[in-house]
Amino acid sequence: MKVHELIAWLQALEDQEAVVKVLHNEGGGGYYAQGGVTKEVIFDPAKHCEYTDLRDNPFARKYAYWDVRTLLLGLDEN
């Protein structure tokens, strides 16, 4: 899904006052939390938004990822 498609999808939602939540994975420690613990949190763009642009990265070009641009919503602390 592209950003413009996500925007259109969000604009089509009936309830425009709904709270937006994302998944936040906290790094695990101990036997029962292997891989971390994931919980729902209210979306905070300062914490839960990561944009990656590899178009000008010479190392990515070597591995055929030269045109990768992604927007990650959520947080994985692992």
N, C-alpha and C. Protein backbone atom coordinates (compact mmCIF):
# COMPACT_ATOMS: atom_id res chain seq x y z
N MET A 1 0.85 -1.17 0.00
CA MET A 1 0.00 0.00 0.00
C MET A 1 0.90 1.24 0.00
N LYS A 2 0.56 2.18 -0.81
CA LYS A 2 1.30 3.45 -0.89
C LYS A 2 0.67 4.46 0.07
N VAL A 3 1.43 5.50 0.41
CA VAL A 3 0.96 6.51 1.35
C VAL A 3 -0.35 7.14 0.86
N HIS A 4 -0.44 7.49 -0.41
CA HIS A 4 -1.66 8.12 -0.92
C HIS A 4 -2.85 7.17 -0.83
N GLU A 5 -2.61 5.87 -0.96
CA GLU A 5 -3.69 4.88 -0.80
C GLU A 5 -4.13 4.79 0.66
N LEU A 6 -3.16 4.85 1.58
CA LEU A 6 -3.48 4.84 3.01
C LEU A 6 -4.31 6.07 3.38
N ILE A 7 -3.94 7.23 2.87
CA ILE A 7 -4.68 8.46 3.15
C ILE A 7 -6.11 8.35 2.66
N ALA A 8 -6.29 7.86 1.44
CA ALA A 8 -7.64 7.70 0.89
C ALA A 8 -8.45 6.71 1.72
N TRP A 9 -7.82 5.64 2.13
CA TRP A 9 -8.51 4.63 2.95
C TRP A 9 -8.93 5.23 4.28
N LEU A 10 -8.04 5.98 4.92
CA LEU A 10 -8.37 6.62 6.19
C LEU A 10 -9.49 7.66 6.03
N GLN A 11 -9.46 8.40 4.95
CA GLN A 11 -10.50 9.40 4.71
C GLN A 11 -11.86 8.76 4.48
N ALA A 12 -11.88 7.53 4.00
CA ALA A 12 -13.14 6.84 3.73
C ALA A 12 -13.74 6.20 4.98
N LEU A 13 -12.99 6.16 6.08
CA LEU A 13 -13.53 5.58 7.31
C LEU A 13 -14.71 6.41 7.80
N GLU A 14 -15.75 5.72 8.23
CA GLU A 14 -16.96 6.40 8.68
C GLU A 14 -16.73 7.23 9.93
N ASP A 15 -15.97 6.71 10.88
CA ASP A 15 -15.75 7.39 12.16
C ASP A 15 -14.41 8.12 12.14
N GLN A 16 -14.43 9.38 11.77
CA GLN A 16 -13.21 10.17 11.69
C GLN A 16 -12.71 10.63 13.06
N GLU A 17 -13.45 10.35 14.12
CA GLU A 17 -13.05 10.72 15.48
C GLU A 17 -12.48 9.52 16.25
N ALA A 18 -12.33 8.40 15.58
CA ALA A 18 -11.78 7.20 16.23
C ALA A 18 -10.33 7.44 16.64
N VAL A 19 -9.92 6.84 17.75
CA VAL A 19 -8.54 6.92 18.23
C VAL A 19 -7.69 5.94 17.42
N VAL A 20 -6.54 6.40 16.95
CA VAL A 20 -5.63 5.54 16.17
C VAL A 20 -4.64 4.89 17.12
N LYS A 21 -4.55 3.57 17.04
CA LYS A 21 -3.59 2.83 17.85
C LYS A 21 -2.67 2.04 16.94
N VAL A 22 -1.47 1.78 17.42
CA VAL A 22 -0.49 0.95 16.71
C VAL A 22 0.07 -0.07 17.69
N LEU A 23 0.85 -0.99 17.17
CA LEU A 23 1.49 -1.98 18.03
C LEU A 23 2.87 -1.51 18.44
N HIS A 24 3.18 -1.71 19.70
CA HIS A 24 4.47 -1.34 20.28
C HIS A 24 5.04 -2.61 20.90
N ASN A 25 6.16 -3.08 20.36
CA ASN A 25 6.81 -4.28 20.87
C ASN A 25 8.00 -3.88 21.72
N GLU A 26 7.92 -4.20 23.01
CA GLU A 26 9.02 -3.91 23.93
C GLU A 26 9.94 -5.10 23.97
N GLY A 27 11.23 -4.84 23.95
CA GLY A 27 12.22 -5.90 24.00
C GLY A 27 12.01 -6.79 25.21
N GLY A 28 12.10 -8.07 24.97
CA GLY A 28 11.81 -9.02 26.05
C GLY A 28 13.03 -9.36 26.88
N GLY A 29 12.77 -9.69 28.09
CA GLY A 29 13.80 -10.15 28.99
C GLY A 29 13.20 -11.26 29.84
N GLY A 30 13.94 -12.26 30.05
CA GLY A 30 13.42 -13.36 30.86
C GLY A 30 12.79 -14.45 30.01
N TYR A 31 12.51 -15.54 30.66
CA TYR A 31 12.04 -16.75 30.00
C TYR A 31 10.68 -16.56 29.32
N TYR A 32 9.74 -15.90 29.96
CA TYR A 32 8.38 -15.81 29.44
C TYR A 32 8.18 -14.67 28.45
N ALA A 33 9.16 -13.83 28.26
CA ALA A 33 9.02 -12.69 27.35
C ALA A 33 9.99 -12.79 26.19
N GLN A 34 10.29 -13.99 25.74
CA GLN A 34 11.21 -14.15 24.62
C GLN A 34 10.59 -13.52 23.38
N GLY A 35 11.31 -12.65 22.74
CA GLY A 35 10.81 -11.94 21.58
C GLY A 35 10.09 -10.66 21.93
N GLY A 36 9.92 -10.40 23.20
CA GLY A 36 9.30 -9.16 23.62
C GLY A 36 7.82 -9.30 23.92
N VAL A 37 7.25 -8.21 24.34
CA VAL A 37 5.84 -8.14 24.66
C VAL A 37 5.22 -7.04 23.80
N THR A 38 4.17 -7.38 23.08
CA THR A 38 3.53 -6.42 22.19
C THR A 38 2.23 -5.95 22.81
N LYS A 39 2.00 -4.63 22.73
CA LYS A 39 0.77 -4.06 23.26
C LYS A 39 0.28 -2.97 22.33
N GLU A 40 -1.01 -2.65 22.46
CA GLU A 40 -1.60 -1.54 21.71
C GLU A 40 -1.29 -0.24 22.43
N VAL A 41 -0.92 0.78 21.67
CA VAL A 41 -0.70 2.10 22.24
C VAL A 41 -1.31 3.14 21.31
N ILE A 42 -1.65 4.29 21.84
CA ILE A 42 -2.16 5.38 21.02
C ILE A 42 -1.02 5.90 20.14
N PHE A 43 -1.31 6.07 18.87
CA PHE A 43 -0.31 6.48 17.89
C PHE A 43 0.25 7.87 18.21
N ASP A 44 1.57 7.94 18.31
CA ASP A 44 2.29 9.19 18.53
C ASP A 44 3.33 9.28 17.41
N PRO A 45 3.14 10.16 16.43
CA PRO A 45 4.07 10.23 15.30
C PRO A 45 5.54 10.39 15.70
N ALA A 46 5.79 11.05 16.82
CA ALA A 46 7.18 11.24 17.26
C ALA A 46 7.83 9.92 17.67
N LYS A 47 7.03 8.96 18.14
CA LYS A 47 7.57 7.68 18.61
C LYS A 47 7.31 6.52 17.65
N HIS A 48 6.20 6.56 16.95
CA HIS A 48 5.72 5.38 16.22
C HIS A 48 5.72 5.55 14.71
N CYS A 49 6.60 6.36 14.19
CA CYS A 49 6.66 6.60 12.75
C CYS A 49 8.13 6.63 12.33
N GLU A 50 8.48 5.76 11.39
CA GLU A 50 9.87 5.71 10.91
C GLU A 50 9.87 5.65 9.39
N TYR A 51 10.46 6.66 8.76
CA TYR A 51 10.56 6.71 7.30
C TYR A 51 11.98 6.33 6.90
N THR A 52 12.10 5.42 5.95
CA THR A 52 13.40 4.97 5.46
C THR A 52 13.47 5.19 3.96
N ASP A 53 14.50 5.87 3.50
CA ASP A 53 14.70 6.16 2.08
C ASP A 53 16.11 5.69 1.71
N LEU A 54 16.17 4.63 0.90
CA LEU A 54 17.48 4.07 0.53
C LEU A 54 17.90 4.45 -0.89
N ARG A 55 17.24 5.41 -1.50
CA ARG A 55 17.55 5.75 -2.90
C ARG A 55 18.97 6.23 -3.11
N ASP A 56 19.58 6.93 -2.16
CA ASP A 56 20.94 7.45 -2.35
C ASP A 56 21.98 6.68 -1.55
N ASN A 57 21.62 5.49 -1.08
CA ASN A 57 22.54 4.70 -0.27
C ASN A 57 23.33 3.76 -1.18
N PRO A 58 24.65 3.96 -1.32
CA PRO A 58 25.44 3.12 -2.22
C PRO A 58 25.50 1.66 -1.79
N PHE A 59 25.38 1.38 -0.51
CA PHE A 59 25.41 0.00 -0.03
C PHE A 59 24.11 -0.72 -0.38
N ALA A 60 22.99 -0.02 -0.32
CA ALA A 60 21.70 -0.62 -0.68
C ALA A 60 21.67 -0.92 -2.18
N ARG A 61 22.28 -0.06 -2.96
CA ARG A 61 22.31 -0.27 -4.42
C ARG A 61 22.98 -1.61 -4.75
N LYS A 62 24.00 -1.94 -4.01
CA LYS A 62 24.73 -3.18 -4.23
C LYS A 62 23.83 -4.41 -4.06
N TYR A 63 22.84 -4.30 -3.19
CA TYR A 63 21.98 -5.45 -2.88
C TYR A 63 20.58 -5.30 -3.47
N ALA A 64 20.41 -4.48 -4.49
CA ALA A 64 19.15 -4.31 -5.21
C ALA A 64 18.04 -3.71 -4.36
N TYR A 65 18.39 -3.00 -3.30
CA TYR A 65 17.39 -2.28 -2.50
C TYR A 65 17.46 -0.79 -2.77
N TRP A 66 17.97 -0.39 -3.91
CA TRP A 66 18.27 1.00 -4.18
C TRP A 66 17.05 1.90 -4.25
N ASP A 67 15.87 1.35 -4.52
CA ASP A 67 14.68 2.20 -4.67
C ASP A 67 13.68 1.99 -3.52
N VAL A 68 14.15 1.47 -2.39
CA VAL A 68 13.26 1.17 -1.28
C VAL A 68 12.97 2.42 -0.47
N ARG A 69 11.69 2.70 -0.29
CA ARG A 69 11.23 3.77 0.58
C ARG A 69 10.06 3.20 1.36
N THR A 70 10.15 3.22 2.68
CA THR A 70 9.09 2.65 3.49
C THR A 70 8.71 3.60 4.62
N LEU A 71 7.45 3.46 5.04
CA LEU A 71 6.94 4.18 6.19
C LEU A 71 6.45 3.13 7.17
N LEU A 72 7.12 3.01 8.30
CA LEU A 72 6.75 2.04 9.33
C LEU A 72 5.97 2.76 10.41
N LEU A 73 4.78 2.24 10.71
CA LEU A 73 3.95 2.77 11.78
C LEU A 73 3.92 1.72 12.88
N GLY A 74 4.35 2.09 14.07
CA GLY A 74 4.47 1.17 15.19
C GLY A 74 5.88 1.27 15.73
N LEU A 75 6.22 0.40 16.66
CA LEU A 75 7.56 0.45 17.24
C LEU A 75 7.99 -0.94 17.66
N ASP A 76 9.18 -1.34 17.25
CA ASP A 76 9.77 -2.61 17.66
C ASP A 76 11.10 -2.29 18.34
N GLU A 77 11.16 -2.47 19.64
CA GLU A 77 12.36 -2.13 20.40
C GLU A 77 13.38 -3.26 20.42
N ASN A 78 13.14 -4.34 19.72
CA ASN A 78 14.11 -5.46 19.73
C ASN A 78 15.32 -5.12 18.93
